[in-house]
Amino acid sequence: MTTPSGGSTPDDYWRRPDTGDESVAHRPSAPSTNTPASGYAGPPPSVPPPTGWRPPVHLRPAPPRRLPPQDMAELDVAEQRSQRVTYGFGVAAGVVLVVVVCLLCSRIIF
């Protein structure tokens, strides 16, 4: 970062370049006429919709269907089977990690 030289202030870098018309550059901008002087005037007033504005409903949806019954014994068997598969993969990954750690330790020791 460079430091400003001469009599300029650090904010001069961020100012707009001169257009050549000094009278326009130093004149304050006129306040806009559409903003209130006290700040935010709030949202515009709303008009309630007329009565009966919703479209008429002619079709009624069908009632929901009944789900088929669940075989809880079969669900328990499937869950136990998937649990055994998950534990099997976990044990296999653990054995592989122990073998890798043993190999790395044997290379460091010997």
C-alpha atoms as a PDB file:
ATOM      1  CA  MET A   1       0.000   0.000   0.000  1.00  0.00           C
ATOM      2  CA  THR A   2       1.297   3.420  -0.853  1.00  0.00           C
ATOM      3  CA  THR A   3       0.999   6.444   1.340  1.00  0.00           C
ATOM      4  CA  PRO A   4      -0.419   9.642  -0.091  1.00  0.00           C
ATOM      5  CA  SER A   5       2.161  12.321  -0.798  1.00  0.00           C
ATOM      6  CA  GLY A   6       1.761  16.049  -0.620  1.00  0.00           C
ATOM      7  CA  GLY A   7      -1.176  17.823   1.007  1.00  0.00           C
ATOM      8  CA  SER A   8      -3.818  15.260   0.107  1.00  0.00           C
ATOM      9  CA  THR A   9      -5.871  13.345   2.638  1.00  0.00           C
ATOM     10  CA  PRO A  10      -6.189   9.540   2.660  1.00  0.00           C
ATOM     11  CA  ASP A  11      -9.786   9.874   1.431  1.00  0.00           C
ATOM     12  CA  ASP A  12      -8.748  11.598  -1.800  1.00  0.00           C
ATOM     13  CA  TYR A  13      -8.141   8.217  -3.394  1.00  0.00           C
ATOM     14  CA  TRP A  14     -11.819   7.310  -3.057  1.00  0.00           C
ATOM     15  CA  ARG A  15     -13.281  10.613  -4.290  1.00  0.00           C
ATOM     16  CA  ARG A  16     -14.751  10.989  -7.757  1.00  0.00           C
ATOM     17  CA  PRO A  17     -12.548  12.633 -10.357  1.00  0.00           C
ATOM     18  CA  ASP A  18     -13.129  16.299 -11.074  1.00  0.00           C
ATOM     19  CA  THR A  19     -15.380  17.035 -14.032  1.00  0.00           C
ATOM     20  CA  GLY A  20     -14.016  20.539 -14.446  1.00  0.00           C
ATOM     21  CA  ASP A  21     -17.180  22.314 -13.244  1.00  0.00           C
ATOM     22  CA  GLU A  22     -16.270  23.452  -9.705  1.00  0.00           C
ATOM     23  CA  SER A  23     -19.657  25.045  -9.010  1.00  0.00           C
ATOM     24  CA  VAL A  24     -21.479  21.745  -9.548  1.00  0.00           C
ATOM     25  CA  ALA A  25     -18.922  19.671  -7.607  1.00  0.00           C
ATOM     26  CA  HIS A  26     -19.239  21.635  -4.331  1.00  0.00           C
ATOM     27  CA  ARG A  27     -22.980  22.253  -4.460  1.00  0.00           C
ATOM     28  CA  PRO A  28     -24.985  19.974  -2.138  1.00  0.00           C
ATOM     29  CA  SER A  29     -27.547  17.802  -3.815  1.00  0.00           C
ATOM     30  CA  ALA A  30     -31.172  18.831  -3.500  1.00  0.00           C
ATOM     31  CA  PRO A  31     -33.320  16.608  -1.290  1.00  0.00           C
ATOM     32  CA  SER A  32     -35.761  14.474  -3.218  1.00  0.00           C
ATOM     33  CA  THR A  33     -39.402  15.475  -3.020  1.00  0.00           C
ATOM     34  CA  ASN A  34     -40.886  11.985  -2.724  1.00  0.00           C
ATOM     35  CA  THR A  35     -39.265  11.032   0.607  1.00  0.00           C
ATOM     36  CA  PRO A  36     -40.891  12.229   3.831  1.00  0.00           C
ATOM     37  CA  ALA A  37     -38.832  14.412   6.145  1.00  0.00           C
ATOM     38  CA  SER A  38     -39.561  12.280   9.206  1.00  0.00           C
ATOM     39  CA  GLY A  39     -38.168   9.011   7.759  1.00  0.00           C
ATOM     40  CA  TYR A  40     -40.079   5.881   6.842  1.00  0.00           C
ATOM     41  CA  ALA A  41     -43.794   6.545   6.381  1.00  0.00           C
ATOM     42  CA  GLY A  42     -44.773   2.877   6.504  1.00  0.00           C
ATOM     43  CA  PRO A  43     -46.354   0.614   3.936  1.00  0.00           C
ATOM     44  CA  PRO A  44     -49.080   1.920   1.663  1.00  0.00           C
ATOM     45  CA  PRO A  45     -52.628   1.372   2.869  1.00  0.00           C
ATOM     46  CA  SER A  46     -54.198  -1.853   1.719  1.00  0.00           C
ATOM     47  CA  VAL A  47     -57.761  -2.483   0.664  1.00  0.00           C
ATOM     48  CA  PRO A  48     -59.378  -5.724   1.826  1.00  0.00           C
ATOM     49  CA  PRO A  49     -60.539  -8.065  -0.955  1.00  0.00           C
ATOM     50  CA  PRO A  50     -64.258  -8.180  -1.705  1.00  0.00           C
ATOM     51  CA  THR A  51     -66.346 -10.930  -0.162  1.00  0.00           C
ATOM     52  CA  GLY A  52     -66.551 -14.074  -2.261  1.00  0.00           C
ATOM     53  CA  TRP A  53     -63.289 -13.356  -4.050  1.00  0.00           C
ATOM     54  CA  ARG A  54     -62.189 -17.008  -3.971  1.00  0.00           C
ATOM     55  CA  PRO A  55     -63.081 -19.145  -6.984  1.00  0.00           C
ATOM     56  CA  PRO A  56     -65.733 -21.800  -6.388  1.00  0.00           C
ATOM     57  CA  VAL A  57     -64.549 -25.333  -5.615  1.00  0.00           C
ATOM     58  CA  HIS A  58     -66.339 -27.998  -7.653  1.00  0.00           C
ATOM     59  CA  LEU A  59     -64.104 -31.050  -7.235  1.00  0.00           C
ATOM     60  CA  ARG A  60     -63.383 -32.684  -3.907  1.00  0.00           C
ATOM     61  CA  PRO A  61     -60.244 -34.805  -3.595  1.00  0.00           C
ATOM     62  CA  ALA A  62     -60.654 -38.511  -2.955  1.00  0.00           C
ATOM     63  CA  PRO A  63     -60.174 -39.652   0.633  1.00  0.00           C
ATOM     64  CA  PRO A  64     -56.743 -41.118   1.386  1.00  0.00           C
ATOM     65  CA  ARG A  65     -56.289 -44.818   0.731  1.00  0.00           C
ATOM     66  CA  ARG A  66     -55.470 -47.316   3.457  1.00  0.00           C
ATOM     67  CA  LEU A  67     -51.894 -48.521   3.637  1.00  0.00           C
ATOM     68  CA  PRO A  68     -51.246 -52.244   3.411  1.00  0.00           C
ATOM     69  CA  PRO A  69     -50.693 -53.976   6.763  1.00  0.00           C
ATOM     70  CA  GLN A  70     -47.106 -54.361   7.907  1.00  0.00           C
ATOM     71  CA  ASP A  71     -45.565 -57.674   8.889  1.00  0.00           C
ATOM     72  CA  MET A  72     -43.673 -56.673  12.029  1.00  0.00           C
ATOM     73  CA  ALA A  73     -41.915 -60.054  12.381  1.00  0.00           C
ATOM     74  CA  GLU A  74     -40.569 -59.812   8.810  1.00  0.00           C
ATOM     75  CA  LEU A  75     -39.436 -56.227   9.442  1.00  0.00           C
ATOM     76  CA  ASP A  76     -37.526 -57.353  12.573  1.00  0.00           C
ATOM     77  CA  VAL A  77     -35.812 -60.153  10.637  1.00  0.00           C
ATOM     78  CA  ALA A  78     -34.786 -57.752   7.849  1.00  0.00           C
ATOM     79  CA  GLU A  79     -33.454 -55.243  10.384  1.00  0.00           C
ATOM     80  CA  GLN A  80     -31.378 -57.911  12.160  1.00  0.00           C
ATOM     81  CA  ARG A  81     -29.988 -59.103   8.822  1.00  0.00           C
ATOM     82  CA  SER A  82     -28.946 -55.566   7.839  1.00  0.00           C
ATOM     83  CA  GLN A  83     -27.432 -55.032  11.293  1.00  0.00           C
ATOM     84  CA  ARG A  84     -25.293 -58.165  10.880  1.00  0.00           C
ATOM     85  CA  VAL A  85     -24.064 -56.928   7.490  1.00  0.00           C
ATOM     86  CA  THR A  86     -23.182 -53.533   8.963  1.00  0.00           C
ATOM     87  CA  TYR A  87     -21.300 -55.089  11.873  1.00  0.00           C
ATOM     88  CA  GLY A  88     -19.506 -57.431   9.464  1.00  0.00           C
ATOM     89  CA  PHE A  89     -18.225 -54.518   7.365  1.00  0.00           C
ATOM     90  CA  GLY A  90     -17.174 -52.678  10.540  1.00  0.00           C
ATOM     91  CA  VAL A  91     -15.204 -55.678  11.819  1.00  0.00           C
ATOM     92  CA  ALA A  92     -13.539 -56.151   8.430  1.00  0.00           C
ATOM     93  CA  ALA A  93     -12.524 -52.471   8.303  1.00  0.00           C
ATOM     94  CA  GLY A  94     -11.199 -52.694  11.873  1.00  0.00           C
ATOM     95  CA  VAL A  95      -9.081 -55.747  11.065  1.00  0.00           C
ATOM     96  CA  VAL A  96      -7.634 -54.016   8.002  1.00  0.00           C
ATOM     97  CA  LEU A  97      -6.775 -50.934  10.055  1.00  0.00           C
ATOM     98  CA  VAL A  98      -5.078 -53.000  12.787  1.00  0.00           C
ATOM     99  CA  VAL A  99      -2.996 -54.844  10.177  1.00  0.00           C
ATOM    100  CA  VAL A 100      -1.950 -51.548   8.554  1.00  0.00           C
ATOM    101  CA  VAL A 101      -0.992 -50.042  11.917  1.00  0.00           C
ATOM    102  CA  CYS A 102       1.007 -53.161  12.800  1.00  0.00           C
ATOM    103  CA  LEU A 103       2.852 -52.999   9.472  1.00  0.00           C
ATOM    104  CA  LEU A 104       3.656 -49.322   9.947  1.00  0.00           C
ATOM    105  CA  CYS A 105       4.870 -49.875  13.501  1.00  0.00           C
ATOM    106  CA  SER A 106       7.050 -52.818  12.437  1.00  0.00           C
ATOM    107  CA  ARG A 107       8.709 -50.653   9.766  1.00  0.00           C
ATOM    108  CA  ILE A 108       9.451 -47.961  12.338  1.00  0.00           C
ATOM    109  CA  ILE A 109      10.834 -50.407  14.924  1.00  0.00           C
ATOM    110  CA  PHE A 110      12.891 -52.568  12.524  1.00  0.00           C
END
